[in-house]
C-alpha atoms as a PDB file:
ATOM      1  CA  UNK A   1      10.579  -1.446 -25.671  1.00  0.00           C
ATOM      2  CA  UNK A   2       8.813  -3.072 -22.684  1.00  0.00           C
ATOM      3  CA  UNK A   3       6.877  -0.814 -20.379  1.00  0.00           C
ATOM      4  CA  UNK A   4       8.975  -0.175 -17.253  1.00  0.00           C
ATOM      5  CA  UNK A   5       5.766   0.050 -15.230  1.00  0.00           C
ATOM      6  CA  UNK A   6       3.395  -2.636 -16.544  1.00  0.00           C
ATOM      7  CA  UNK A   7      -0.268  -2.186 -15.851  1.00  0.00           C
ATOM      8  CA  UNK A   8      -1.713  -4.985 -13.776  1.00  0.00           C
ATOM      9  CA  UNK A   9      -5.392  -5.722 -13.528  1.00  0.00           C
ATOM     10  CA  UNK A  10      -7.063  -7.805 -10.861  1.00  0.00           C
ATOM     11  CA  UNK A  11      -9.504 -10.270 -12.357  1.00  0.00           C
ATOM     12  CA  UNK A  12     -12.220 -11.361  -9.950  1.00  0.00           C
ATOM     13  CA  UNK A  13     -11.661 -14.974 -10.977  1.00  0.00           C
ATOM     14  CA  UNK A  14      -8.013 -14.713  -9.929  1.00  0.00           C
ATOM     15  CA  UNK A  15      -8.708 -12.991  -6.613  1.00  0.00           C
ATOM     16  CA  UNK A  16      -9.393 -15.539  -3.950  1.00  0.00           C
ATOM     17  CA  UNK A  17     -10.862 -13.824  -0.904  1.00  0.00           C
ATOM     18  CA  UNK A  18      -8.077 -13.340   1.599  1.00  0.00           C
ATOM     19  CA  UNK A  19      -8.612 -13.685   5.312  1.00  0.00           C
ATOM     20  CA  UNK A  20      -8.046 -10.272   6.885  1.00  0.00           C
ATOM     21  CA  UNK A  21      -4.583  -9.963   8.381  1.00  0.00           C
ATOM     22  CA  UNK A  22      -4.741  -9.266  12.124  1.00  0.00           C
ATOM     23  CA  UNK A  23      -2.363  -6.288  11.857  1.00  0.00           C
ATOM     24  CA  UNK A  24      -4.037  -4.608   8.862  1.00  0.00           C
ATOM     25  CA  UNK A  25      -6.899  -2.153   8.852  1.00  0.00           C
ATOM     26  CA  UNK A  26      -8.370   0.566   6.655  1.00  0.00           C
ATOM     27  CA  UNK A  27      -7.798   3.973   8.244  1.00  0.00           C
ATOM     28  CA  UNK A  28     -10.370   6.714   8.659  1.00  0.00           C
ATOM     29  CA  UNK A  29      -9.580  10.426   8.497  1.00  0.00           C
ATOM     30  CA  UNK A  30      -9.139  10.717  12.268  1.00  0.00           C
ATOM     31  CA  UNK A  31      -6.950   7.640  12.709  1.00  0.00           C
ATOM     32  CA  UNK A  32      -3.900   8.423  14.873  1.00  0.00           C
ATOM     33  CA  UNK A  33      -1.738   6.404  12.468  1.00  0.00           C
ATOM     34  CA  UNK A  34      -2.673   8.428   9.373  1.00  0.00           C
ATOM     35  CA  UNK A  35       0.531  10.525   9.357  1.00  0.00           C
ATOM     36  CA  UNK A  36       2.752   7.458   9.740  1.00  0.00           C
ATOM     37  CA  UNK A  37       0.820   5.573   7.041  1.00  0.00           C
ATOM     38  CA  UNK A  38       1.453   8.456   4.636  1.00  0.00           C
ATOM     39  CA  UNK A  39       5.171   8.455   5.489  1.00  0.00           C
ATOM     40  CA  UNK A  40       5.892   4.698   5.314  1.00  0.00           C
ATOM     41  CA  UNK A  41       6.250   4.550   1.502  1.00  0.00           C
ATOM     42  CA  UNK A  42       8.859   7.329   1.614  1.00  0.00           C
ATOM     43  CA  UNK A  43      11.008   5.247   3.973  1.00  0.00           C
ATOM     44  CA  UNK A  44      10.229   1.993   2.145  1.00  0.00           C
ATOM     45  CA  UNK A  45      11.054   3.219  -1.344  1.00  0.00           C
ATOM     46  CA  UNK A  46      14.330   4.790  -0.173  1.00  0.00           C
ATOM     47  CA  UNK A  47      15.596   1.220   0.335  1.00  0.00           C
ATOM     48  CA  UNK A  48      14.844  -0.539  -2.959  1.00  0.00           C
ATOM     49  CA  UNK A  49      14.074  -4.190  -3.529  1.00  0.00           C
ATOM     50  CA  UNK A  50      12.409  -6.481  -1.028  1.00  0.00           C
ATOM     51  CA  UNK A  51      15.208  -7.593   1.288  1.00  0.00           C
ATOM     52  CA  UNK A  52      14.943  -6.968   5.006  1.00  0.00           C
ATOM     53  CA  UNK A  53      16.901  -3.848   5.921  1.00  0.00           C
ATOM     54  CA  UNK A  54      17.544  -1.601   8.869  1.00  0.00           C
ATOM     55  CA  UNK A  55      15.252   1.430   8.409  1.00  0.00           C
ATOM     56  CA  UNK A  56      12.333   1.000  10.767  1.00  0.00           C
ATOM     57  CA  UNK A  57      10.120   2.962  13.184  1.00  0.00           C
ATOM     58  CA  UNK A  58      12.912   5.367  14.185  1.00  0.00           C
ATOM     59  CA  UNK A  59      13.481   6.483  10.599  1.00  0.00           C
ATOM     60  CA  UNK A  60       9.718   6.605  10.092  1.00  0.00           C
ATOM     61  CA  UNK A  61       9.324   9.050  13.000  1.00  0.00           C
ATOM     62  CA  UNK A  62      11.838  11.377  11.349  1.00  0.00           C
ATOM     63  CA  UNK A  63       9.967  11.302   8.028  1.00  0.00           C
ATOM     64  CA  UNK A  64       6.620  11.870   9.772  1.00  0.00           C
ATOM     65  CA  UNK A  65       8.087  15.042  11.292  1.00  0.00           C
ATOM     66  CA  UNK A  66       9.487  16.201   7.952  1.00  0.00           C
ATOM     67  CA  UNK A  67       6.111  15.704   6.231  1.00  0.00           C
ATOM     68  CA  UNK A  68       3.928  17.180   8.987  1.00  0.00           C
ATOM     69  CA  UNK A  69       1.885  19.276   6.544  1.00  0.00           C
ATOM     70  CA  UNK A  70       0.504  16.327   4.586  1.00  0.00           C
ATOM     71  CA  UNK A  71      -1.972  14.664   6.997  1.00  0.00           C
ATOM     72  CA  UNK A  72      -4.633  17.438   6.993  1.00  0.00           C
ATOM     73  CA  UNK A  73      -4.958  17.374   3.183  1.00  0.00           C
ATOM     74  CA  UNK A  74      -4.903  13.572   3.140  1.00  0.00           C
ATOM     75  CA  UNK A  75      -7.557  13.432   5.856  1.00  0.00           C
ATOM     76  CA  UNK A  76      -9.793  15.613   3.700  1.00  0.00           C
ATOM     77  CA  UNK A  77      -9.289  13.276   0.705  1.00  0.00           C
ATOM     78  CA  UNK A  78     -10.157  10.308   2.952  1.00  0.00           C
ATOM     79  CA  UNK A  79     -13.326  12.059   4.204  1.00  0.00           C
ATOM     80  CA  UNK A  80     -14.325  12.825   0.598  1.00  0.00           C
ATOM     81  CA  UNK A  81     -13.711   9.203  -0.470  1.00  0.00           C
ATOM     82  CA  UNK A  82     -10.990  10.165  -2.953  1.00  0.00           C
ATOM     83  CA  UNK A  83      -8.263   8.268  -1.052  1.00  0.00           C
ATOM     84  CA  UNK A  84      -8.430   5.086   0.997  1.00  0.00           C
ATOM     85  CA  UNK A  85      -5.443   4.194   3.171  1.00  0.00           C
ATOM     86  CA  UNK A  86      -4.710   0.835   4.777  1.00  0.00           C
ATOM     87  CA  UNK A  87      -1.912   0.057   7.209  1.00  0.00           C
ATOM     88  CA  UNK A  88      -0.323  -2.802   9.100  1.00  0.00           C
ATOM     89  CA  UNK A  89       0.179  -1.637  12.688  1.00  0.00           C
ATOM     90  CA  UNK A  90       2.093  -3.580  15.339  1.00  0.00           C
ATOM     91  CA  UNK A  91       3.102  -2.442  18.821  1.00  0.00           C
ATOM     92  CA  UNK A  92       1.976   1.111  18.060  1.00  0.00           C
ATOM     93  CA  UNK A  93       4.019   1.440  14.852  1.00  0.00           C
ATOM     94  CA  UNK A  94       2.936   1.437  11.204  1.00  0.00           C
ATOM     95  CA  UNK A  95       5.031  -1.178   9.411  1.00  0.00           C
ATOM     96  CA  UNK A  96       3.388  -1.152   5.984  1.00  0.00           C
ATOM     97  CA  UNK A  97       0.837   1.013   4.208  1.00  0.00           C
ATOM     98  CA  UNK A  98      -0.741   1.669   0.863  1.00  0.00           C
ATOM     99  CA  UNK A  99      -3.631   3.470  -0.721  1.00  0.00           C
ATOM    100  CA  UNK A 100      -6.282   3.194  -3.357  1.00  0.00           C
ATOM    101  CA  UNK A 101      -7.608   6.087  -5.379  1.00  0.00           C
ATOM    102  CA  UNK A 102     -11.211   5.317  -6.329  1.00  0.00           C
ATOM    103  CA  UNK A 103     -13.043   7.119  -9.106  1.00  0.00           C
ATOM    104  CA  UNK A 104     -16.486   5.704  -9.736  1.00  0.00           C
ATOM    105  CA  UNK A 105     -16.226   1.977 -10.396  1.00  0.00           C
ATOM    106  CA  UNK A 106     -12.436   2.078 -10.941  1.00  0.00           C
ATOM    107  CA  UNK A 107      -9.571   2.353  -8.463  1.00  0.00           C
ATOM    108  CA  UNK A 108      -5.795   2.239  -8.530  1.00  0.00           C
ATOM    109  CA  UNK A 109      -3.802   0.662  -5.714  1.00  0.00           C
ATOM    110  CA  UNK A 110      -0.671   2.735  -5.196  1.00  0.00           C
ATOM    111  CA  UNK A 111       2.182   3.438  -2.828  1.00  0.00           C
ATOM    112  CA  UNK A 112       2.214   0.076  -1.063  1.00  0.00           C
ATOM    113  CA  UNK A 113       5.440  -0.012   0.905  1.00  0.00           C
ATOM    114  CA  UNK A 114       6.854  -1.843   3.915  1.00  0.00           C
ATOM    115  CA  UNK A 115       9.475  -0.510   6.289  1.00  0.00           C
ATOM    116  CA  UNK A 116      12.667  -2.401   5.427  1.00  0.00           C
ATOM    117  CA  UNK A 117      12.949  -3.720   9.014  1.00  0.00           C
ATOM    118  CA  UNK A 118       9.498  -5.353   8.650  1.00  0.00           C
ATOM    119  CA  UNK A 119       9.860  -6.890   5.182  1.00  0.00           C
ATOM    120  CA  UNK A 120       9.361 -10.545   4.190  1.00  0.00           C
ATOM    121  CA  UNK A 121       6.322 -10.972   6.471  1.00  0.00           C
ATOM    122  CA  UNK A 122       3.554 -10.719   3.862  1.00  0.00           C
ATOM    123  CA  UNK A 123       2.447  -7.286   5.033  1.00  0.00           C
ATOM    124  CA  UNK A 124       2.371  -5.675   1.554  1.00  0.00           C
ATOM    125  CA  UNK A 125       0.199  -8.502   0.282  1.00  0.00           C
ATOM    126  CA  UNK A 126      -2.100  -8.120   3.298  1.00  0.00           C
ATOM    127  CA  UNK A 127      -2.381  -4.336   2.840  1.00  0.00           C
ATOM    128  CA  UNK A 128      -3.073  -4.789  -0.877  1.00  0.00           C
ATOM    129  CA  UNK A 129      -5.721  -7.417  -0.099  1.00  0.00           C
ATOM    130  CA  UNK A 130      -7.389  -5.064   2.406  1.00  0.00           C
ATOM    131  CA  UNK A 131      -7.465  -2.270  -0.173  1.00  0.00           C
ATOM    132  CA  UNK A 132      -8.948  -4.551  -2.827  1.00  0.00           C
ATOM    133  CA  UNK A 133     -11.565  -5.872  -0.381  1.00  0.00           C
ATOM    134  CA  UNK A 134     -12.465  -2.310   0.600  1.00  0.00           C
ATOM    135  CA  UNK A 135     -12.766  -1.340  -3.069  1.00  0.00           C
ATOM    136  CA  UNK A 136     -15.342  -4.087  -3.525  1.00  0.00           C
ATOM    137  CA  UNK A 137     -17.457  -2.654  -0.723  1.00  0.00           C
ATOM    138  CA  UNK A 138     -17.444   0.687  -2.555  1.00  0.00           C
ATOM    139  CA  UNK A 139     -18.855  -0.765  -5.780  1.00  0.00           C
ATOM    140  CA  UNK A 140     -15.506  -0.807  -7.570  1.00  0.00           C
ATOM    141  CA  UNK A 141     -15.240  -3.498 -10.215  1.00  0.00           C
ATOM    142  CA  UNK A 142     -11.903  -2.550 -11.826  1.00  0.00           C
ATOM    143  CA  UNK A 143      -8.736  -2.466  -9.708  1.00  0.00           C
ATOM    144  CA  UNK A 144      -5.410  -1.618 -11.282  1.00  0.00           C
ATOM    145  CA  UNK A 145      -1.863  -0.983 -10.136  1.00  0.00           C
ATOM    146  CA  UNK A 146       1.533  -0.174 -11.498  1.00  0.00           C
ATOM    147  CA  UNK A 147       4.236  -2.241  -9.846  1.00  0.00           C
ATOM    148  CA  UNK A 148       7.350  -0.105  -9.471  1.00  0.00           C
ATOM    149  CA  UNK A 149       9.536  -3.077  -8.488  1.00  0.00           C
ATOM    150  CA  UNK A 150       9.803  -4.031 -12.165  1.00  0.00           C
ATOM    151  CA  UNK A 151      12.140  -1.079 -12.695  1.00  0.00           C
ATOM    152  CA  UNK A 152      14.957  -2.673 -10.690  1.00  0.00           C
ATOM    153  CA  UNK A 153      17.185  -4.986 -12.717  1.00  0.00           C
ATOM    154  CA  UNK A 154      17.068  -8.537 -11.443  1.00  0.00           C
ATOM    155  CA  UNK A 155      13.960  -7.996  -9.342  1.00  0.00           C
ATOM    156  CA  UNK A 156      11.393 -10.740  -9.162  1.00  0.00           C
ATOM    157  CA  UNK A 157       7.650 -10.273  -8.816  1.00  0.00           C
ATOM    158  CA  UNK A 158       6.654  -9.703  -5.204  1.00  0.00           C
ATOM    159  CA  UNK A 159       4.084 -11.831  -3.447  1.00  0.00           C
ATOM    160  CA  UNK A 160       1.382  -9.559  -4.875  1.00  0.00           C
ATOM    161  CA  UNK A 161       1.839 -11.456  -8.141  1.00  0.00           C
ATOM    162  CA  UNK A 162      -0.338 -14.164  -6.604  1.00  0.00           C
ATOM    163  CA  UNK A 163      -3.330 -11.949  -7.303  1.00  0.00           C
ATOM    164  CA  UNK A 164      -2.166  -9.691 -10.141  1.00  0.00           C
ATOM    165  CA  UNK A 165      -1.385 -10.572 -13.700  1.00  0.00           C
ATOM    166  CA  UNK A 166       0.121  -8.331 -16.341  1.00  0.00           C
ATOM    167  CA  UNK A 167      -1.967  -7.018 -19.204  1.00  0.00           C
END
């Protein structure tokens, strides 16, 4: 039976350096967008697939309020270097975010999600590229991810497949 969540490994030879996206940045523990970056995947994954949808900044604000206890613990993980968050921010709103979880020379990219209202703009690819670039600056030489989109029947690989290949 095929693995519903195939492991993908980024090979340095396959990873062309991406130009940084003007909306994307790595967040520090005091970033005012930390809470929204933590909440974006919850809104994003509630609307499966990759089509543009209606949930956007308004729905995100509701989820940020519901998850108000998470940012302090996440900020501590960021300070300790156990979590790295990146986000695409436009007009004061987080549109896409993701994280990497480094341990020594290995990291996993996880939770990359885009608000449905902001999909089909390449933001998930840009956030993933920022996380991978940041991992390189931390001495990481193995980057992995599990792509949840493969669990939806009829889904096609997202634009991240330009850099990732299945193993």
